[in-house]
């Protein structure tokens, strides 16, 4: 998956999570807005942020592994 494609997918999922949050809040009683929003964030948005973090780290590692200096010691520049 290209760098841009996984970012676009994450944004699409985040938008969906935000819409779900808004829908749940529109049905919630005024006294439960914070509880409902916390539940929605924990259920939908936090896992998405973890996936985004993992994907970004994975992409950074994949990019670093193609660098010619990847297997060289940073101090002595020897293989």
C-alpha atoms as a PDB file:
ATOM      1  CA  UNK A   1       0.000   0.000   0.000  1.00  0.00           C
ATOM      2  CA  UNK A   2       1.455   3.337  -1.003  1.00  0.00           C
ATOM      3  CA  UNK A   3       2.189   5.990   1.579  1.00  0.00           C
ATOM      4  CA  UNK A   4      -0.591   8.248   0.380  1.00  0.00           C
ATOM      5  CA  UNK A   5      -3.148   5.446   0.167  1.00  0.00           C
ATOM      6  CA  UNK A   6      -2.801   4.321   3.779  1.00  0.00           C
ATOM      7  CA  UNK A   7      -3.052   7.952   4.928  1.00  0.00           C
ATOM      8  CA  UNK A   8      -6.196   8.469   2.842  1.00  0.00           C
ATOM      9  CA  UNK A   9      -7.708   5.303   4.336  1.00  0.00           C
ATOM     10  CA  UNK A  10      -6.898   6.471   7.864  1.00  0.00           C
ATOM     11  CA  UNK A  11      -8.516   9.862   7.194  1.00  0.00           C
ATOM     12  CA  UNK A  12     -11.590   8.122   5.786  1.00  0.00           C
ATOM     13  CA  UNK A  13     -11.857   5.937   8.897  1.00  0.00           C
ATOM     14  CA  UNK A  14     -11.328   8.949  11.172  1.00  0.00           C
ATOM     15  CA  UNK A  15     -14.143  10.826   9.394  1.00  0.00           C
ATOM     16  CA  UNK A  16     -16.392   7.808   9.881  1.00  0.00           C
ATOM     17  CA  UNK A  17     -15.503   7.727  13.590  1.00  0.00           C
ATOM     18  CA  UNK A  18     -16.229  11.438  13.936  1.00  0.00           C
ATOM     19  CA  UNK A  19     -19.613  11.014  12.248  1.00  0.00           C
ATOM     20  CA  UNK A  20     -20.411   8.122  14.571  1.00  0.00           C
ATOM     21  CA  UNK A  21     -19.452  10.260  17.551  1.00  0.00           C
ATOM     22  CA  UNK A  22     -21.699  13.073  16.353  1.00  0.00           C
ATOM     23  CA  UNK A  23     -24.598  10.654  15.776  1.00  0.00           C
ATOM     24  CA  UNK A  24     -24.256   9.146  19.242  1.00  0.00           C
ATOM     25  CA  UNK A  25     -24.065  12.577  20.867  1.00  0.00           C
ATOM     26  CA  UNK A  26     -27.199  13.726  19.062  1.00  0.00           C
ATOM     27  CA  UNK A  27     -29.097  10.825  20.709  1.00  0.00           C
ATOM     28  CA  UNK A  28     -27.566  11.238  24.170  1.00  0.00           C
ATOM     29  CA  UNK A  29     -29.138  13.054  27.082  1.00  0.00           C
ATOM     30  CA  UNK A  30     -27.424  16.281  28.090  1.00  0.00           C
ATOM     31  CA  UNK A  31     -26.182  14.747  31.336  1.00  0.00           C
ATOM     32  CA  UNK A  32     -24.442  11.880  29.536  1.00  0.00           C
ATOM     33  CA  UNK A  33     -22.677  13.748  26.720  1.00  0.00           C
ATOM     34  CA  UNK A  34     -19.228  13.388  28.260  1.00  0.00           C
ATOM     35  CA  UNK A  35     -19.727   9.702  29.077  1.00  0.00           C
ATOM     36  CA  UNK A  36     -21.048   8.937  25.596  1.00  0.00           C
ATOM     37  CA  UNK A  37     -18.244  10.839  23.886  1.00  0.00           C
ATOM     38  CA  UNK A  38     -15.598   9.149  26.048  1.00  0.00           C
ATOM     39  CA  UNK A  39     -17.070   5.741  25.201  1.00  0.00           C
ATOM     40  CA  UNK A  40     -17.149   6.490  21.472  1.00  0.00           C
ATOM     41  CA  UNK A  41     -13.586   7.796  21.483  1.00  0.00           C
ATOM     42  CA  UNK A  42     -12.301   4.755  23.359  1.00  0.00           C
ATOM     43  CA  UNK A  43     -14.250   2.363  21.119  1.00  0.00           C
ATOM     44  CA  UNK A  44     -13.640   3.916  17.700  1.00  0.00           C
ATOM     45  CA  UNK A  45     -10.991   6.612  17.591  1.00  0.00           C
ATOM     46  CA  UNK A  46      -8.267   5.401  19.958  1.00  0.00           C
ATOM     47  CA  UNK A  47      -7.840   2.044  18.159  1.00  0.00           C
ATOM     48  CA  UNK A  48      -7.649   3.933  14.859  1.00  0.00           C
ATOM     49  CA  UNK A  49      -4.906   6.193  16.225  1.00  0.00           C
ATOM     50  CA  UNK A  50      -2.950   3.118  17.330  1.00  0.00           C
ATOM     51  CA  UNK A  51      -3.283   1.636  13.837  1.00  0.00           C
ATOM     52  CA  UNK A  52      -2.109   4.918  12.300  1.00  0.00           C
ATOM     53  CA  UNK A  53       0.878   4.974  14.652  1.00  0.00           C
ATOM     54  CA  UNK A  54       1.795   1.379  13.801  1.00  0.00           C
ATOM     55  CA  UNK A  55       1.470   1.996  10.061  1.00  0.00           C
ATOM     56  CA  UNK A  56       3.594   5.159  10.231  1.00  0.00           C
ATOM     57  CA  UNK A  57       6.322   3.307  12.157  1.00  0.00           C
ATOM     58  CA  UNK A  58       6.151   0.402   9.713  1.00  0.00           C
ATOM     59  CA  UNK A  59       6.495   2.744   6.728  1.00  0.00           C
ATOM     60  CA  UNK A  60       9.430   4.577   8.366  1.00  0.00           C
ATOM     61  CA  UNK A  61      11.198   1.255   9.026  1.00  0.00           C
ATOM     62  CA  UNK A  62      10.568   0.024   5.497  1.00  0.00           C
ATOM     63  CA  UNK A  63      12.000   3.254   4.117  1.00  0.00           C
ATOM     64  CA  UNK A  64      15.026   3.075   6.423  1.00  0.00           C
ATOM     65  CA  UNK A  65      15.760  -0.503   5.346  1.00  0.00           C
ATOM     66  CA  UNK A  66      16.144   0.590   1.738  1.00  0.00           C
ATOM     67  CA  UNK A  67      18.689   3.233   2.727  1.00  0.00           C
ATOM     68  CA  UNK A  68      22.218   2.162   1.653  1.00  0.00           C
ATOM     69  CA  UNK A  69      23.544   3.074   5.107  1.00  0.00           C
ATOM     70  CA  UNK A  70      20.924   0.917   6.875  1.00  0.00           C
ATOM     71  CA  UNK A  71      23.397  -1.825   7.787  1.00  0.00           C
ATOM     72  CA  UNK A  72      26.241   0.498   8.668  1.00  0.00           C
ATOM     73  CA  UNK A  73      27.289   1.421  12.152  1.00  0.00           C
ATOM     74  CA  UNK A  74      26.404   5.070  12.728  1.00  0.00           C
ATOM     75  CA  UNK A  75      29.610   5.723  14.683  1.00  0.00           C
ATOM     76  CA  UNK A  76      32.190   4.084  12.453  1.00  0.00           C
ATOM     77  CA  UNK A  77      30.194   3.751   9.188  1.00  0.00           C
ATOM     78  CA  UNK A  78      31.393   0.144   8.784  1.00  0.00           C
ATOM     79  CA  UNK A  79      29.187  -2.745   7.771  1.00  0.00           C
END
